[in-house]
Amino acid sequence: MEQRKLNDQANTLVDLAKTHNIMYDMISDLNERSEDFKKRILTLKTKLETLIGSIHALPGLLSQTIRQQQRDFIEDQMENYDKHVAYNAERSRSSSRRRRSSSTAPPTLSESS
């Protein structure tokens, strides 16, 4: 009977040691996971801060881009207008030269008869 109690106590000690090892492994695993999560959270925090900075800069960048596009558009319109005015002025000069040259030319044989 005494032997049986001793065997039971020995088995209990073995079970406690196994339980202790299992608990130690679980705690170690949890600590590793905790460190991994901390690293991930820090990475996410850094990315989030970068994203927030980009979002804060966005209105300024948009307005700058819109202003530049407006300037480019106005410049294109002015160039087109200048080309149009130059073309019309050249046409006007050309047609007035034709009118002047035909009225000051000496009469041809067909006109004099």
PDB file of N, CA and C in Angstrom:
ATOM      1  N   MET A   1       0.820  -1.180   0.000  1.00  0.00           N
ATOM      2  CA  MET A   1       0.000   0.000   0.000  1.00  0.00           C
ATOM      3  C   MET A   1       0.874   1.258   0.000  1.00  0.00           C
ATOM      4  N   GLU A   2       1.881   1.224   0.826  1.00  0.00           N
ATOM      5  CA  GLU A   2       2.848   2.311   0.891  1.00  0.00           C
ATOM      6  C   GLU A   2       3.523   2.496  -0.470  1.00  0.00           C
ATOM      7  N   GLN A   3       3.826   1.380  -1.087  1.00  0.00           N
ATOM      8  CA  GLN A   3       4.475   1.411  -2.402  1.00  0.00           C
ATOM      9  C   GLN A   3       3.559   2.058  -3.432  1.00  0.00           C
ATOM     10  N   ARG A   4       2.293   1.769  -3.324  1.00  0.00           N
ATOM     11  CA  ARG A   4       1.318   2.319  -4.264  1.00  0.00           C
ATOM     12  C   ARG A   4       1.226   3.824  -4.106  1.00  0.00           C
ATOM     13  N   LYS A   5       1.220   4.318  -2.874  1.00  0.00           N
ATOM     14  CA  LYS A   5       1.174   5.761  -2.618  1.00  0.00           C
ATOM     15  C   LYS A   5       2.413   6.434  -3.187  1.00  0.00           C
ATOM     16  N   LEU A   6       3.548   5.777  -2.994  1.00  0.00           N
ATOM     17  CA  LEU A   6       4.792   6.340  -3.519  1.00  0.00           C
ATOM     18  C   LEU A   6       4.769   6.395  -5.052  1.00  0.00           C
ATOM     19  N   ASN A   7       4.233   5.350  -5.648  1.00  0.00           N
ATOM     20  CA  ASN A   7       4.110   5.335  -7.113  1.00  0.00           C
ATOM     21  C   ASN A   7       3.159   6.431  -7.589  1.00  0.00           C
ATOM     22  N   ASP A   8       2.052   6.591  -6.892  1.00  0.00           N
ATOM     23  CA  ASP A   8       1.097   7.647  -7.254  1.00  0.00           C
ATOM     24  C   ASP A   8       1.738   9.024  -7.135  1.00  0.00           C
ATOM     25  N   GLN A   9       2.487   9.230  -6.054  1.00  0.00           N
ATOM     26  CA  GLN A   9       3.149  10.525  -5.860  1.00  0.00           C
ATOM     27  C   GLN A   9       4.215  10.751  -6.938  1.00  0.00           C
ATOM     28  N   ALA A  10       4.925   9.691  -7.288  1.00  0.00           N
ATOM     29  CA  ALA A  10       5.939   9.803  -8.343  1.00  0.00           C
ATOM     30  C   ALA A  10       5.277  10.148  -9.675  1.00  0.00           C
ATOM     31  N   ASN A  11       4.159   9.484  -9.955  1.00  0.00           N
ATOM     32  CA  ASN A  11       3.422   9.781 -11.195  1.00  0.00           C
ATOM     33  C   ASN A  11       2.900  11.215 -11.190  1.00  0.00           C
ATOM     34  N   THR A  12       2.445  11.651 -10.029  1.00  0.00           N
ATOM     35  CA  THR A  12       1.957  13.024  -9.911  1.00  0.00           C
ATOM     36  C   THR A  12       3.083  14.012 -10.175  1.00  0.00           C
ATOM     37  N   LEU A  13       4.262  13.735  -9.629  1.00  0.00           N
ATOM     38  CA  LEU A  13       5.415  14.610  -9.873  1.00  0.00           C
ATOM     39  C   LEU A  13       5.784  14.642 -11.355  1.00  0.00           C
ATOM     40  N   VAL A  14       5.731  13.482 -11.990  1.00  0.00           N
ATOM     41  CA  VAL A  14       6.017  13.419 -13.432  1.00  0.00           C
ATOM     42  C   VAL A  14       4.982  14.233 -14.199  1.00  0.00           C
ATOM     43  N   ASP A  15       3.709  14.074 -13.830  1.00  0.00           N
ATOM     44  CA  ASP A  15       2.647  14.845 -14.482  1.00  0.00           C
ATOM     45  C   ASP A  15       2.839  16.343 -14.266  1.00  0.00           C
ATOM     46  N   LEU A  16       3.236  16.720 -13.047  1.00  0.00           N
ATOM     47  CA  LEU A  16       3.486  18.141 -12.760  1.00  0.00           C
ATOM     48  C   LEU A  16       4.642  18.676 -13.601  1.00  0.00           C
ATOM     49  N   ALA A  17       5.679  17.869 -13.738  1.00  0.00           N
ATOM     50  CA  ALA A  17       6.828  18.286 -14.549  1.00  0.00           C
ATOM     51  C   ALA A  17       6.416  18.455 -16.011  1.00  0.00           C
ATOM     52  N   LYS A  18       5.621  17.493 -16.513  1.00  0.00           N
ATOM     53  CA  LYS A  18       5.132  17.601 -17.894  1.00  0.00           C
ATOM     54  C   LYS A  18       4.264  18.849 -18.058  1.00  0.00           C
ATOM     55  N   THR A  19       3.382  19.067 -17.092  1.00  0.00           N
ATOM     56  CA  THR A  19       2.507  20.249 -17.138  1.00  0.00           C
ATOM     57  C   THR A  19       3.344  21.526 -17.099  1.00  0.00           C
ATOM     58  N   HIS A  20       4.366  21.515 -16.257  1.00  0.00           N
ATOM     59  CA  HIS A  20       5.254  22.671 -16.155  1.00  0.00           C
ATOM     60  C   HIS A  20       5.935  22.941 -17.507  1.00  0.00           C
ATOM     61  N   ASN A  21       6.425  21.887 -18.158  1.00  0.00           N
ATOM     62  CA  ASN A  21       7.077  22.037 -19.467  1.00  0.00           C
ATOM     63  C   ASN A  21       6.100  22.555 -20.523  1.00  0.00           C
ATOM     64  N   ILE A  22       4.890  22.008 -20.496  1.00  0.00           N
ATOM     65  CA  ILE A  22       3.864  22.461 -21.447  1.00  0.00           C
ATOM     66  C   ILE A  22       3.548  23.935 -21.220  1.00  0.00           C
ATOM     67  N   MET A  23       3.381  24.313 -19.961  1.00  0.00           N
ATOM     68  CA  MET A  23       3.089  25.717 -19.631  1.00  0.00           C
ATOM     69  C   MET A  23       4.247  26.626 -20.061  1.00  0.00           C
ATOM     70  N   TYR A  24       5.477  26.183 -19.818  1.00  0.00           N
ATOM     71  CA  TYR A  24       6.649  26.963 -20.198  1.00  0.00           C
ATOM     72  C   TYR A  24       6.686  27.162 -21.721  1.00  0.00           C
ATOM     73  N   ASP A  25       6.421  26.081 -22.476  1.00  0.00           N
ATOM     74  CA  ASP A  25       6.399  26.171 -23.942  1.00  0.00           C
ATOM     75  C   ASP A  25       5.308  27.128 -24.419  1.00  0.00           C
ATOM     76  N   MET A  26       4.139  27.041 -23.790  1.00  0.00           N
ATOM     77  CA  MET A  26       3.027  27.925 -24.176  1.00  0.00           C
ATOM     78  C   MET A  26       3.365  29.388 -23.896  1.00  0.00           C
ATOM     79  N   ILE A  27       3.947  29.639 -22.732  1.00  0.00           N
ATOM     80  CA  ILE A  27       4.306  31.015 -22.372  1.00  0.00           C
ATOM     81  C   ILE A  27       5.388  31.545 -23.315  1.00  0.00           C
ATOM     82  N   SER A  28       6.359  30.692 -23.645  1.00  0.00           N
ATOM     83  CA  SER A  28       7.406  31.099 -24.589  1.00  0.00           C
ATOM     84  C   SER A  28       6.804  31.432 -25.950  1.00  0.00           C
ATOM     85  N   ASP A  29       5.889  30.587 -26.401  1.00  0.00           N
ATOM     86  CA  ASP A  29       5.217  30.817 -27.679  1.00  0.00           C
ATOM     87  C   ASP A  29       4.420  32.122 -27.651  1.00  0.00           C
ATOM     88  N   LEU A  30       3.705  32.347 -26.555  1.00  0.00           N
ATOM     89  CA  LEU A  30       2.933  33.589 -26.425  1.00  0.00           C
ATOM     90  C   LEU A  30       3.842  34.816 -26.427  1.00  0.00           C
ATOM     91  N   ASN A  31       4.996  34.712 -25.760  1.00  0.00           N
ATOM     92  CA  ASN A  31       5.946  35.826 -25.754  1.00  0.00           C
ATOM     93  C   ASN A  31       6.476  36.120 -27.161  1.00  0.00           C
ATOM     94  N   GLU A  32       6.794  35.045 -27.907  1.00  0.00           N
ATOM     95  CA  GLU A  32       7.261  35.227 -29.285  1.00  0.00           C
ATOM     96  C   GLU A  32       6.187  35.888 -30.139  1.00  0.00           C
ATOM     97  N   ARG A  33       4.971  35.407 -30.006  1.00  0.00           N
ATOM     98  CA  ARG A  33       3.864  35.988 -30.774  1.00  0.00           C
ATOM     99  C   ARG A  33       3.637  37.438 -30.379  1.00  0.00           C
ATOM    100  N   SER A  34       3.769  37.697 -29.098  1.00  0.00           N
ATOM    101  CA  SER A  34       3.596  39.067 -28.619  1.00  0.00           C
ATOM    102  C   SER A  34       4.637  39.989 -29.251  1.00  0.00           C
ATOM    103  N   GLU A  35       5.878  39.531 -29.327  1.00  0.00           N
ATOM    104  CA  GLU A  35       6.941  40.324 -29.959  1.00  0.00           C
ATOM    105  C   GLU A  35       6.647  40.535 -31.445  1.00  0.00           C
ATOM    106  N   ASP A  36       6.183  39.468 -32.110  1.00  0.00           N
ATOM    107  CA  ASP A  36       5.827  39.594 -33.526  1.00  0.00           C
ATOM    108  C   ASP A  36       4.709  40.617 -33.715  1.00  0.00           C
ATOM    109  N   PHE A  37       3.703  40.556 -32.853  1.00  0.00           N
ATOM    110  CA  PHE A  37       2.602  41.508 -32.954  1.00  0.00           C
ATOM    111  C   PHE A  37       3.069  42.934 -32.699  1.00  0.00           C
ATOM    112  N   LYS A  38       3.975  43.104 -31.740  1.00  0.00           N
ATOM    113  CA  LYS A  38       4.511  44.442 -31.471  1.00  0.00           C
ATOM    114  C   LYS A  38       5.225  44.990 -32.703  1.00  0.00           C
ATOM    115  N   LYS A  39       6.022  44.132 -33.351  1.00  0.00           N
ATOM    116  CA  LYS A  39       6.732  44.556 -34.563  1.00  0.00           C
ATOM    117  C   LYS A  39       5.745  44.919 -35.665  1.00  0.00           C
ATOM    118  N   ARG A  40       4.725  44.096 -35.826  1.00  0.00           N
ATOM    119  CA  ARG A  40       3.711  44.372 -36.855  1.00  0.00           C
ATOM    120  C   ARG A  40       2.978  45.674 -36.559  1.00  0.00           C
ATOM    121  N   ILE A  41       2.647  45.877 -35.301  1.00  0.00           N
ATOM    122  CA  ILE A  41       1.940  47.103 -34.915  1.00  0.00           C
ATOM    123  C   ILE A  41       2.810  48.319 -35.179  1.00  0.00           C
ATOM    124  N   LEU A  42       4.098  48.232 -34.864  1.00  0.00           N
ATOM    125  CA  LEU A  42       5.005  49.349 -35.141  1.00  0.00           C
ATOM    126  C   LEU A  42       5.110  49.614 -36.642  1.00  0.00           C
ATOM    127  N   THR A  43       5.167  48.543 -37.433  1.00  0.00           N
ATOM    128  CA  THR A  43       5.210  48.698 -38.890  1.00  0.00           C
ATOM    129  C   THR A  43       3.936  49.362 -39.388  1.00  0.00           C
ATOM    130  N   LEU A  44       2.790  48.906 -38.890  1.00  0.00           N
ATOM    131  CA  LEU A  44       1.512  49.506 -39.279  1.00  0.00           C
ATOM    132  C   LEU A  44       1.436  50.966 -38.853  1.00  0.00           C
ATOM    133  N   LYS A  45       1.943  51.264 -37.663  1.00  0.00           N
ATOM    134  CA  LYS A  45       1.935  52.637 -37.168  1.00  0.00           C
ATOM    135  C   LYS A  45       2.762  53.535 -38.083  1.00  0.00           C
ATOM    136  N   THR A  46       3.932  53.057 -38.484  1.00  0.00           N
ATOM    137  CA  THR A  46       4.790  53.828 -39.387  1.00  0.00           C
ATOM    138  C   THR A  46       4.100  54.054 -40.730  1.00  0.00           C
ATOM    139  N   LYS A  47       3.507  52.998 -41.265  1.00  0.00           N
ATOM    140  CA  LYS A  47       2.800  53.124 -42.542  1.00  0.00           C
ATOM    141  C   LYS A  47       1.618  54.076 -42.418  1.00  0.00           C
ATOM    142  N   LEU A  48       0.905  53.999 -41.314  1.00  0.00           N
ATOM    143  CA  LEU A  48      -0.240  54.872 -41.091  1.00  0.00           C
ATOM    144  C   LEU A  48       0.199  56.327 -40.995  1.00  0.00           C
ATOM    145  N   GLU A  49       1.299  56.587 -40.294  1.00  0.00           N
ATOM    146  CA  GLU A  49       1.810  57.954 -40.188  1.00  0.00           C
ATOM    147  C   GLU A  49       2.215  58.489 -41.559  1.00  0.00           C
ATOM    148  N   THR A  50       2.840  57.639 -42.368  1.00  0.00           N
ATOM    149  CA  THR A  50       3.209  58.035 -43.730  1.00  0.00           C
ATOM    150  C   THR A  50       1.962  58.342 -44.548  1.00  0.00           C
ATOM    151  N   LEU A  51       0.963  57.491 -44.428  1.00  0.00           N
ATOM    152  CA  LEU A  51      -0.289  57.686 -45.157  1.00  0.00           C
ATOM    153  C   LEU A  51      -0.981  58.973 -44.729  1.00  0.00           C
ATOM    154  N   ILE A  52      -1.010  59.235 -43.432  1.00  0.00           N
ATOM    155  CA  ILE A  52      -1.630  60.462 -42.922  1.00  0.00           C
ATOM    156  C   ILE A  52      -0.891  61.682 -43.458  1.00  0.00           C
ATOM    157  N   GLY A  53       0.440  61.620 -43.467  1.00  0.00           N
ATOM    158  CA  GLY A  53       1.226  62.721 -44.025  1.00  0.00           C
ATOM    159  C   GLY A  53       0.906  62.947 -45.489  1.00  0.00           C
ATOM    160  N   SER A  54       0.766  61.875 -46.241  1.00  0.00           N
ATOM    161  CA  SER A  54       0.426  61.992 -47.660  1.00  0.00           C
ATOM    162  C   SER A  54      -0.968  62.583 -47.838  1.00  0.00           C
ATOM    163  N   ILE A  55      -1.902  62.170 -47.010  1.00  0.00           N
ATOM    164  CA  ILE A  55      -3.272  62.691 -47.101  1.00  0.00           C
ATOM    165  C   ILE A  55      -3.298  64.178 -46.761  1.00  0.00           C
ATOM    166  N   HIS A  56      -2.512  64.590 -45.766  1.00  0.00           N
ATOM    167  CA  HIS A  56      -2.461  66.010 -45.408  1.00  0.00           C
ATOM    168  C   HIS A  56      -1.844  66.835 -46.536  1.00  0.00           C
ATOM    169  N   ALA A  57      -0.901  66.257 -47.274  1.00  0.00           N
ATOM    170  CA  ALA A  57      -0.248  66.975 -48.373  1.00  0.00           C
ATOM    171  C   ALA A  57      -1.111  66.998 -49.630  1.00  0.00           C
ATOM    172  N   LEU A  58      -2.095  66.138 -49.716  1.00  0.00           N
ATOM    173  CA  LEU A  58      -2.899  65.987 -50.927  1.00  0.00           C
ATOM    174  C   LEU A  58      -3.618  67.261 -51.366  1.00  0.00           C
ATOM    175  N   PRO A  59      -4.305  68.000 -50.496  1.00  0.00           N
ATOM    176  CA  PRO A  59      -4.989  69.215 -50.966  1.00  0.00           C
ATOM    177  C   PRO A  59      -4.033  70.216 -51.617  1.00  0.00           C
ATOM    178  N   GLY A  60      -2.870  70.402 -51.030  1.00  0.00           N
ATOM    179  CA  GLY A  60      -1.893  71.318 -51.615  1.00  0.00           C
ATOM    180  C   GLY A  60      -1.414  70.840 -52.971  1.00  0.00           C
ATOM    181  N   LEU A  61      -1.149  69.548 -53.075  1.00  0.00           N
ATOM    182  CA  LEU A  61      -0.695  68.995 -54.352  1.00  0.00           C
ATOM    183  C   LEU A  61      -1.784  69.095 -55.416  1.00  0.00           C
ATOM    184  N   LEU A  62      -3.030  68.838 -55.008  1.00  0.00           N
ATOM    185  CA  LEU A  62      -4.140  68.950 -55.960  1.00  0.00           C
ATOM    186  C   LEU A  62      -4.302  70.380 -56.457  1.00  0.00           C
ATOM    187  N   SER A  63      -4.275  71.343 -55.543  1.00  0.00           N
ATOM    188  CA  SER A  63      -4.452  72.732 -55.971  1.00  0.00           C
ATOM    189  C   SER A  63      -3.284  73.177 -56.837  1.00  0.00           C
ATOM    190  N   GLN A  64      -2.076  72.732 -56.524  1.00  0.00           N
ATOM    191  CA  GLN A  64      -0.909  73.071 -57.340  1.00  0.00           C
ATOM    192  C   GLN A  64      -1.057  72.486 -58.749  1.00  0.00           C
ATOM    193  N   THR A  65      -1.507  71.248 -58.827  1.00  0.00           N
ATOM    194  CA  THR A  65      -1.698  70.601 -60.122  1.00  0.00           C
ATOM    195  C   THR A  65      -2.792  71.295 -60.922  1.00  0.00           C
ATOM    196  N   ILE A  66      -3.886  71.646 -60.264  1.00  0.00           N
ATOM    197  CA  ILE A  66      -4.983  72.331 -60.956  1.00  0.00           C
ATOM    198  C   ILE A  66      -4.520  73.689 -61.467  1.00  0.00           C
ATOM    199  N   ARG A  67      -3.779  74.446 -60.637  1.00  0.00           N
ATOM    200  CA  ARG A  67      -3.260  75.749 -61.083  1.00  0.00           C
ATOM    201  C   ARG A  67      -2.358  75.591 -62.303  1.00  0.00           C
ATOM    202  N   GLN A  68      -1.491  74.580 -62.276  1.00  0.00           N
ATOM    203  CA  GLN A  68      -0.585  74.358 -63.406  1.00  0.00           C
ATOM    204  C   GLN A  68      -1.371  73.990 -64.656  1.00  0.00           C
ATOM    205  N   GLN A  69      -2.391  73.161 -64.511  1.00  0.00           N
ATOM    206  CA  GLN A  69      -3.208  72.796 -65.668  1.00  0.00           C
ATOM    207  C   GLN A  69      -3.960  74.008 -66.206  1.00  0.00           C
ATOM    208  N   GLN A  70      -4.441  74.868 -65.308  1.00  0.00           N
ATOM    209  CA  GLN A  70      -5.113  76.083 -65.757  1.00  0.00           C
ATOM    210  C   GLN A  70      -4.147  76.986 -66.514  1.00  0.00           C
ATOM    211  N   ARG A  71      -2.915  77.140 -65.996  1.00  0.00           N
ATOM    212  CA  ARG A  71      -1.911  77.960 -66.687  1.00  0.00           C
ATOM    213  C   ARG A  71      -1.612  77.385 -68.064  1.00  0.00           C
ATOM    214  N   ASP A  72      -1.425  76.073 -68.130  1.00  0.00           N
ATOM    215  CA  ASP A  72      -1.149  75.425 -69.412  1.00  0.00           C
ATOM    216  C   ASP A  72      -2.309  75.623 -70.380  1.00  0.00           C
ATOM    217  N   PHE A  73      -3.527  75.488 -69.880  1.00  0.00           N
ATOM    218  CA  PHE A  73      -4.706  75.668 -70.724  1.00  0.00           C
ATOM    219  C   PHE A  73      -4.776  77.097 -71.258  1.00  0.00           C
ATOM    220  N   ILE A  74      -4.552  78.067 -70.376  1.00  0.00           N
ATOM    221  CA  ILE A  74      -4.600  79.475 -70.794  1.00  0.00           C
ATOM    222  C   ILE A  74      -3.501  79.761 -71.810  1.00  0.00           C
ATOM    223  N   GLU A  75      -2.301  79.231 -71.580  1.00  0.00           N
ATOM    224  CA  GLU A  75      -1.212  79.425 -72.543  1.00  0.00           C
ATOM    225  C   GLU A  75      -1.577  78.835 -73.898  1.00  0.00           C
ATOM    226  N   ASP A  76      -2.154  77.641 -73.907  1.00  0.00           N
ATOM    227  CA  ASP A  76      -2.578  77.024 -75.168  1.00  0.00           C
ATOM    228  C   ASP A  76      -3.633  77.874 -75.863  1.00  0.00           C
ATOM    229  N   GLN A  77      -4.591  78.378 -75.084  1.00  0.00           N
ATOM    230  CA  GLN A  77      -5.631  79.215 -75.670  1.00  0.00           C
ATOM    231  C   GLN A  77      -5.041  80.497 -76.253  1.00  0.00           C
ATOM    232  N   MET A  78      -4.087  81.095 -75.539  1.00  0.00           N
ATOM    233  CA  MET A  78      -3.447  82.321 -76.031  1.00  0.00           C
ATOM    234  C   MET A  78      -2.649  82.036 -77.304  1.00  0.00           C
ATOM    235  N   GLU A  79      -1.944  80.914 -77.345  1.00  0.00           N
ATOM    236  CA  GLU A  79      -1.202  80.553 -78.553  1.00  0.00           C
ATOM    237  C   GLU A  79      -2.157  80.361 -79.723  1.00  0.00           C
ATOM    238  N   ASN A  80      -3.250  79.646 -79.491  1.00  0.00           N
ATOM    239  CA  ASN A  80      -4.235  79.440 -80.555  1.00  0.00           C
ATOM    240  C   ASN A  80      -4.829  80.766 -81.008  1.00  0.00           C
ATOM    241  N   TYR A  81      -5.109  81.649 -80.059  1.00  0.00           N
ATOM    242  CA  TYR A  81      -5.662  82.960 -80.397  1.00  0.00           C
ATOM    243  C   TYR A  81      -4.652  83.760 -81.217  1.00  0.00           C
ATOM    244  N   ASP A  82      -3.387  83.774 -80.772  1.00  0.00           N
ATOM    245  CA  ASP A  82      -2.345  84.500 -81.505  1.00  0.00           C
ATOM    246  C   ASP A  82      -2.187  83.947 -82.914  1.00  0.00           C
ATOM    247  N   LYS A  83      -2.218  82.628 -83.071  1.00  0.00           N
ATOM    248  CA  LYS A  83      -2.123  82.024 -84.404  1.00  0.00           C
ATOM    249  C   LYS A  83      -3.315  82.433 -85.257  1.00  0.00           C
ATOM    250  N   HIS A  84      -4.491  82.426 -84.649  1.00  0.00           N
ATOM    251  CA  HIS A  84      -5.705  82.793 -85.371  1.00  0.00           C
ATOM    252  C   HIS A  84      -5.636  84.257 -85.813  1.00  0.00           C
ATOM    253  N   VAL A  85      -5.215  85.147 -84.922  1.00  0.00           N
ATOM    254  CA  VAL A  85      -5.099  86.573 -85.255  1.00  0.00           C
ATOM    255  C   VAL A  85      -4.059  86.762 -86.350  1.00  0.00           C
ATOM    256  N   ALA A  86      -2.913  86.091 -86.238  1.00  0.00           N
ATOM    257  CA  ALA A  86      -1.865  86.214 -87.256  1.00  0.00           C
ATOM    258  C   ALA A  86      -2.360  85.689 -88.597  1.00  0.00           C
ATOM    259  N   TYR A  87      -3.081  84.595 -88.594  1.00  0.00           N
ATOM    260  CA  TYR A  87      -3.614  84.031 -89.829  1.00  0.00           C
ATOM    261  C   TYR A  87      -4.607  85.000 -90.468  1.00  0.00           C
ATOM    262  N   ASN A  88      -5.516  85.542 -89.664  1.00  0.00           N
ATOM    263  CA  ASN A  88      -6.499  86.490 -90.199  1.00  0.00           C
ATOM    264  C   ASN A  88      -5.827  87.756 -90.709  1.00  0.00           C
ATOM    265  N   ALA A  89      -4.797  88.232 -90.016  1.00  0.00           N
ATOM    266  CA  ALA A  89      -4.084  89.426 -90.470  1.00  0.00           C
ATOM    267  C   ALA A  89      -3.392  89.145 -91.793  1.00  0.00           C
ATOM    268  N   GLU A  90      -2.789  87.991 -91.930  1.00  0.00           N
ATOM    269  CA  GLU A  90      -2.119  87.622 -93.185  1.00  0.00           C
ATOM    270  C   GLU A  90      -3.134  87.497 -94.309  1.00  0.00           C
ATOM    271  N   ARG A  91      -4.272  86.909 -94.034  1.00  0.00           N
ATOM    272  CA  ARG A  91      -5.337  86.789 -95.047  1.00  0.00           C
ATOM    273  C   ARG A  91      -5.825  88.160 -95.472  1.00  0.00           C
ATOM    274  N   SER A  92      -5.980  89.025 -94.488  1.00  0.00           N
ATOM    275  CA  SER A  92      -6.461  90.373 -94.781  1.00  0.00           C
ATOM    276  C   SER A  92      -5.452  91.119 -95.643  1.00  0.00           C
ATOM    277  N   ARG A  93      -4.162  91.052 -95.306  1.00  0.00           N
ATOM    278  CA  ARG A  93      -3.119  91.700 -96.105  1.00  0.00           C
ATOM    279  C   ARG A  93      -3.085  91.109 -97.500  1.00  0.00           C
ATOM    280  N   SER A  94      -3.186  89.811 -97.585  1.00  0.00           N
ATOM    281  CA  SER A  94      -3.113  89.125 -98.869  1.00  0.00           C
ATOM    282  C   SER A  94      -4.285  89.523 -99.761  1.00  0.00           C
ATOM    283  N   SER A  95      -5.474  89.577 -99.212  1.00  0.00           N
ATOM    284  CA  SER A  95      -6.640  89.927-100.031  1.00  0.00           C
ATOM    285  C   SER A  95      -6.616  91.401-100.407  1.00  0.00           C
ATOM    286  N   SER A  96      -6.120  92.279 -99.543  1.00  0.00           N
ATOM    287  CA  SER A  96      -6.056  93.701 -99.901  1.00  0.00           C
ATOM    288  C   SER A  96      -4.980  93.926-100.954  1.00  0.00           C
ATOM    289  N   ARG A  97      -3.896  93.156-100.965  1.00  0.00           N
ATOM    290  CA  ARG A  97      -2.877  93.255-102.014  1.00  0.00           C
ATOM    291  C   ARG A  97      -3.467  92.833-103.348  1.00  0.00           C
ATOM    292  N   ARG A  98      -4.262  91.771-103.320  1.00  0.00           N
ATOM    293  CA  ARG A  98      -4.880  91.309-104.566  1.00  0.00           C
ATOM    294  C   ARG A  98      -5.826  92.362-105.117  1.00  0.00           C
ATOM    295  N   ARG A  99      -6.582  92.992-104.230  1.00  0.00           N
ATOM    296  CA  ARG A  99      -7.519  94.020-104.684  1.00  0.00           C
ATOM    297  C   ARG A  99      -6.761  95.218-105.254  1.00  0.00           C
ATOM    298  N   ARG A 100      -5.709  95.637-104.561  1.00  0.00           N
ATOM    299  CA  ARG A 100      -4.918  96.778-105.029  1.00  0.00           C
ATOM    300  C   ARG A 100      -4.227  96.447-106.341  1.00  0.00           C
ATOM    301  N   SER A 101      -3.659  95.262-106.435  1.00  0.00           N
ATOM    302  CA  SER A 101      -2.917  94.926-107.649  1.00  0.00           C
ATOM    303  C   SER A 101      -3.849  94.802-108.848  1.00  0.00           C
ATOM    304  N   SER A 102      -5.058  94.359-108.674  1.00  0.00           N
ATOM    305  CA  SER A 102      -5.981  94.233-109.806  1.00  0.00           C
ATOM    306  C   SER A 102      -6.538  95.595-110.212  1.00  0.00           C
ATOM    307  N   SER A 103      -6.666  96.536-109.305  1.00  0.00           N
ATOM    308  CA  SER A 103      -7.203  97.850-109.669  1.00  0.00           C
ATOM    309  C   SER A 103      -6.135  98.758-110.257  1.00  0.00           C
ATOM    310  N   THR A 104      -4.866  98.554-109.980  1.00  0.00           N
ATOM    311  CA  THR A 104      -3.800  99.408-110.507  1.00  0.00           C
ATOM    312  C   THR A 104      -3.133  98.809-111.723  1.00  0.00           C
ATOM    313  N   ALA A 105      -3.496  97.627-112.109  1.00  0.00           N
ATOM    314  CA  ALA A 105      -2.878  96.985-113.272  1.00  0.00           C
ATOM    315  C   ALA A 105      -3.392  97.638-114.548  1.00  0.00           C
ATOM    316  N   PRO A 106      -2.535  97.718-115.574  1.00  0.00           N
ATOM    317  CA  PRO A 106      -2.994  98.302-116.848  1.00  0.00           C
ATOM    318  C   PRO A 106      -4.046  97.401-117.478  1.00  0.00           C
ATOM    319  N   PRO A 107      -4.930  97.965-118.192  1.00  0.00           N
ATOM    320  CA  PRO A 107      -5.996  97.161-118.810  1.00  0.00           C
ATOM    321  C   PRO A 107      -5.414  96.172-119.820  1.00  0.00           C
ATOM    322  N   THR A 108      -6.010  95.021-119.854  1.00  0.00           N
ATOM    323  CA  THR A 108      -5.580  94.005-120.815  1.00  0.00           C
ATOM    324  C   THR A 108      -6.318  94.222-122.112  1.00  0.00           C
ATOM    325  N   LEU A 109      -5.968  93.484-123.140  1.00  0.00           N
ATOM    326  CA  LEU A 109      -6.607  93.629-124.444  1.00  0.00           C
ATOM    327  C   LEU A 109      -8.099  93.372-124.367  1.00  0.00           C
ATOM    328  N   SER A 110      -8.478  92.397-123.593  1.00  0.00           N
ATOM    329  CA  SER A 110      -9.899  92.081-123.501  1.00  0.00           C
ATOM    330  C   SER A 110     -10.652  93.172-122.771  1.00  0.00           C
ATOM    331  N   GLU A 111      -9.982  93.848-121.797  1.00  0.00           N
ATOM    332  CA  GLU A 111     -10.662  94.905-121.057  1.00  0.00           C
ATOM    333  C   GLU A 111     -10.778  96.176-121.889  1.00  0.00           C
ATOM    334  N   SER A 112      -9.805  96.455-122.767  1.00  0.00           N
ATOM    335  CA  SER A 112      -9.832  97.700-123.534  1.00  0.00           C
ATOM    336  C   SER A 112     -10.775  97.631-124.707  1.00  0.00           C
ATOM    337  N   SER A 113     -11.149  96.491-125.186  1.00  0.00           N
ATOM    338  CA  SER A 113     -12.030  96.419-126.340  1.00  0.00           C
ATOM    339  C   SER A 113     -13.457  96.612-125.995  1.00  0.00           C
TER     340      SER A 113
END
